């Protein structure tokens, strides 16, 4: 007797091909890697850039509020903030009461943010540009347009999530 959703293999295949959560997590890893690779020559990651930009745009901010705004775990915020303090990009000072702290960007951190701006802007355009080199990856996730093998610009979506065509990109 077959289960109402098919055999376990059929169910697994549908989940690996159609799971929105899995595709979003994969897309997140791909995009994070693109940003991290581009920011590496400046000495920091997209996670650190997001923290720095949030601190600069919001002014002094408690670490807990920063974590909530960025959807980050407390331990990740703490670990990343410690590294950023050691590099001189942010300072930890007193908060509104004796038990709280406040994060603020240093002049070195603000300068780093300004230096990163053109790199970030180029990445924004590249990641969103459907003619960019990454378009095939985005199309394999069902996002954006990529040219088909015949050169026409119709959406080229992978028939199978585990297609060898995209495997090299995922594990590069």
Protein backbone atom coordinates (compact mmCIF):
# COMPACT_ATOMS: atom_id res chain seq x y z
CA UNK A 1 0.00 0.00 0.00
CA UNK A 2 1.40 3.41 -1.02
CA UNK A 3 1.30 6.34 1.36
CA UNK A 4 -1.05 9.17 0.32
CA UNK A 5 1.94 11.35 -0.59
CA UNK A 6 3.87 8.68 -2.47
CA UNK A 7 6.81 6.53 -1.59
CA UNK A 8 9.46 7.90 0.77
CA UNK A 9 11.77 8.43 -2.22
CA UNK A 10 9.05 10.36 -4.11
CA UNK A 11 8.30 12.44 -1.02
CA UNK A 12 12.01 13.17 -0.49
CA UNK A 13 12.47 14.12 -4.14
CA UNK A 14 9.52 16.53 -4.01
CA UNK A 15 10.81 18.05 -0.77
CA UNK A 16 14.34 18.54 -2.12
CA UNK A 17 13.03 20.04 -5.35
CA UNK A 18 10.24 22.21 -3.94
CA UNK A 19 11.08 23.13 -0.32
CA UNK A 20 11.00 26.91 -0.03
CA UNK A 21 12.92 26.91 3.26
CA UNK A 22 15.74 24.81 1.82
CA UNK A 23 15.96 26.96 -1.29
CA UNK A 24 16.04 30.17 0.75
CA UNK A 25 18.76 28.79 3.03
CA UNK A 26 20.76 27.76 0.00
CA UNK A 27 20.28 31.14 -1.64
CA UNK A 28 21.34 32.79 1.61
CA UNK A 29 24.58 30.78 1.65
CA UNK A 30 25.28 31.58 -2.01
CA UNK A 31 24.66 35.31 -1.63
CA UNK A 32 26.59 35.46 1.65
CA UNK A 33 29.56 33.80 -0.05
CA UNK A 34 29.42 36.36 -2.91
CA UNK A 35 29.45 39.27 -0.46
CA UNK A 36 32.09 37.71 1.80
CA UNK A 37 34.39 37.04 -1.16
CA UNK A 38 34.07 40.64 -2.36
CA UNK A 39 34.54 42.12 1.13
CA UNK A 40 37.47 39.87 2.11
CA UNK A 41 40.12 42.26 0.68
CA UNK A 42 38.73 44.94 3.03
CA UNK A 43 39.14 42.56 5.96
CA UNK A 44 35.57 41.86 6.94
CA UNK A 45 32.41 39.88 6.21
CA UNK A 46 28.88 40.79 5.20
CA UNK A 47 27.74 39.94 8.72
CA UNK A 48 30.20 42.46 10.15
CA UNK A 49 29.19 45.01 7.50
CA UNK A 50 25.52 44.61 8.44
CA UNK A 51 26.34 45.11 12.11
CA UNK A 52 28.50 48.15 11.41
CA UNK A 53 25.93 49.72 9.07
CA UNK A 54 23.15 49.18 11.62
CA UNK A 55 25.21 50.74 14.42
CA UNK A 56 26.15 53.73 12.24
CA UNK A 57 22.58 54.26 11.01
CA UNK A 58 20.90 53.84 14.43
CA UNK A 59 23.50 55.51 16.60
CA UNK A 60 24.48 53.92 19.90
CA UNK A 61 22.46 50.74 20.28
CA UNK A 62 22.26 48.01 22.93
CA UNK A 63 23.60 44.62 21.74
CA UNK A 64 20.24 42.94 22.39
CA UNK A 65 18.40 45.44 20.21
CA UNK A 66 21.02 45.03 17.48
CA UNK A 67 20.53 41.25 17.57
CA UNK A 68 16.75 41.62 17.37
CA UNK A 69 16.97 44.03 14.44
CA UNK A 70 19.28 41.70 12.51
CA UNK A 71 17.61 38.45 13.59
CA UNK A 72 20.85 37.20 15.14
CA UNK A 73 21.45 34.94 18.14
CA UNK A 74 22.93 36.58 21.25
CA UNK A 75 26.07 34.45 21.05
CA UNK A 76 26.66 35.46 17.42
CA UNK A 77 26.23 39.14 18.23
CA UNK A 78 28.56 38.86 21.22
CA UNK A 79 31.26 36.95 19.32
CA UNK A 80 31.13 39.26 16.29
CA UNK A 81 31.05 42.44 18.37
CA UNK A 82 34.10 41.24 20.32
CA UNK A 83 36.02 40.74 17.07
CA UNK A 84 34.94 44.11 15.75
CA UNK A 85 35.99 45.83 18.99
CA UNK A 86 39.43 44.20 18.81
CA UNK A 87 39.81 45.57 15.28
CA UNK A 88 38.83 49.06 16.44
CA UNK A 89 35.64 49.34 14.40
CA UNK A 90 33.18 49.67 17.28
CA UNK A 91 33.29 50.59 20.96
CA UNK A 92 31.23 49.15 23.79
CA UNK A 93 30.18 51.76 26.30
CA UNK A 94 27.71 52.13 29.13
CA UNK A 95 24.03 51.85 28.37
CA UNK A 96 21.01 53.53 29.92
CA UNK A 97 21.56 51.80 33.26
CA UNK A 98 24.40 50.08 35.11
CA UNK A 99 23.55 46.64 33.69
CA UNK A 100 23.33 47.58 30.02
CA UNK A 101 25.82 48.35 27.28
CA UNK A 102 25.69 50.44 24.15
CA UNK A 103 27.54 49.88 20.86
CA UNK A 104 28.81 52.74 18.74
CA UNK A 105 30.98 52.96 15.65
CA UNK A 106 34.48 54.40 15.92
CA UNK A 107 35.89 56.78 13.33
CA UNK A 108 37.84 53.80 11.95
CA UNK A 109 34.55 51.85 11.65
CA UNK A 110 32.82 54.73 9.89
CA UNK A 111 35.77 55.03 7.48
CA UNK A 112 35.64 51.29 6.80
CA UNK A 113 31.93 51.60 6.02
CA UNK A 114 32.67 54.41 3.55
CA UNK A 115 35.44 52.32 1.95
CA UNK A 116 33.08 49.36 1.60
CA UNK A 117 30.26 51.40 0.03
CA UNK A 118 31.39 51.05 -3.63
CA UNK A 119 32.04 47.32 -3.19
CA UNK A 120 28.62 46.86 -1.60
CA UNK A 121 26.90 48.94 -4.30
CA UNK A 122 28.50 46.88 -7.08
CA UNK A 123 27.42 43.67 -5.35
CA UNK A 124 23.87 44.93 -5.06
CA UNK A 125 23.70 45.56 -8.78
CA UNK A 126 25.44 42.29 -9.68
CA UNK A 127 23.31 40.09 -7.45
CA UNK A 128 20.09 41.67 -8.71
CA UNK A 129 21.14 41.78 -12.39
CA UNK A 130 19.56 38.84 -14.18
CA UNK A 131 22.27 38.94 -16.87
CA UNK A 132 25.07 38.54 -14.33
CA UNK A 133 27.19 35.42 -14.00
CA UNK A 134 25.12 34.40 -10.98
CA UNK A 135 21.85 34.38 -12.87
CA UNK A 136 22.11 30.65 -13.56
CA UNK A 137 22.38 29.95 -9.86
CA UNK A 138 19.46 32.21 -9.03
CA UNK A 139 17.39 30.63 -11.80
CA UNK A 140 18.17 27.18 -10.46
CA UNK A 141 16.53 28.34 -7.25
CA UNK A 142 13.55 29.64 -9.20
CA UNK A 143 14.59 33.29 -8.84
CA UNK A 144 15.39 35.68 -11.68
CA UNK A 145 15.92 35.02 -15.36
CA UNK A 146 18.85 33.27 -16.97
CA UNK A 147 19.51 32.74 -20.65
CA UNK A 148 18.80 29.25 -21.91
CA UNK A 149 21.43 27.26 -23.78
CA UNK A 150 20.04 28.63 -27.06
CA UNK A 151 20.75 32.19 -25.87
CA UNK A 152 17.17 33.30 -25.45
CA UNK A 153 16.27 35.01 -22.19
CA UNK A 154 13.40 32.80 -21.09
CA UNK A 155 13.64 31.52 -17.56
CA UNK A 156 15.91 28.49 -17.35
CA UNK A 157 14.88 26.49 -14.31
CA UNK A 158 16.65 23.29 -13.37
CA UNK A 159 14.45 20.22 -13.70
CA UNK A 160 16.17 18.62 -10.75
CA UNK A 161 17.59 20.34 -7.70
CA UNK A 162 20.55 17.97 -7.69
CA UNK A 163 21.45 18.64 -11.31
CA UNK A 164 25.20 18.25 -11.95
CA UNK A 165 25.03 21.49 -13.93
CA UNK A 166 24.83 23.51 -10.69
CA UNK A 167 26.67 21.21 -8.29
CA UNK A 168 30.09 22.71 -9.03
CA UNK A 169 28.79 26.20 -8.19
CA UNK A 170 27.37 25.04 -4.87
CA UNK A 171 30.53 23.31 -3.72
CA UNK A 172 33.15 25.64 -5.17
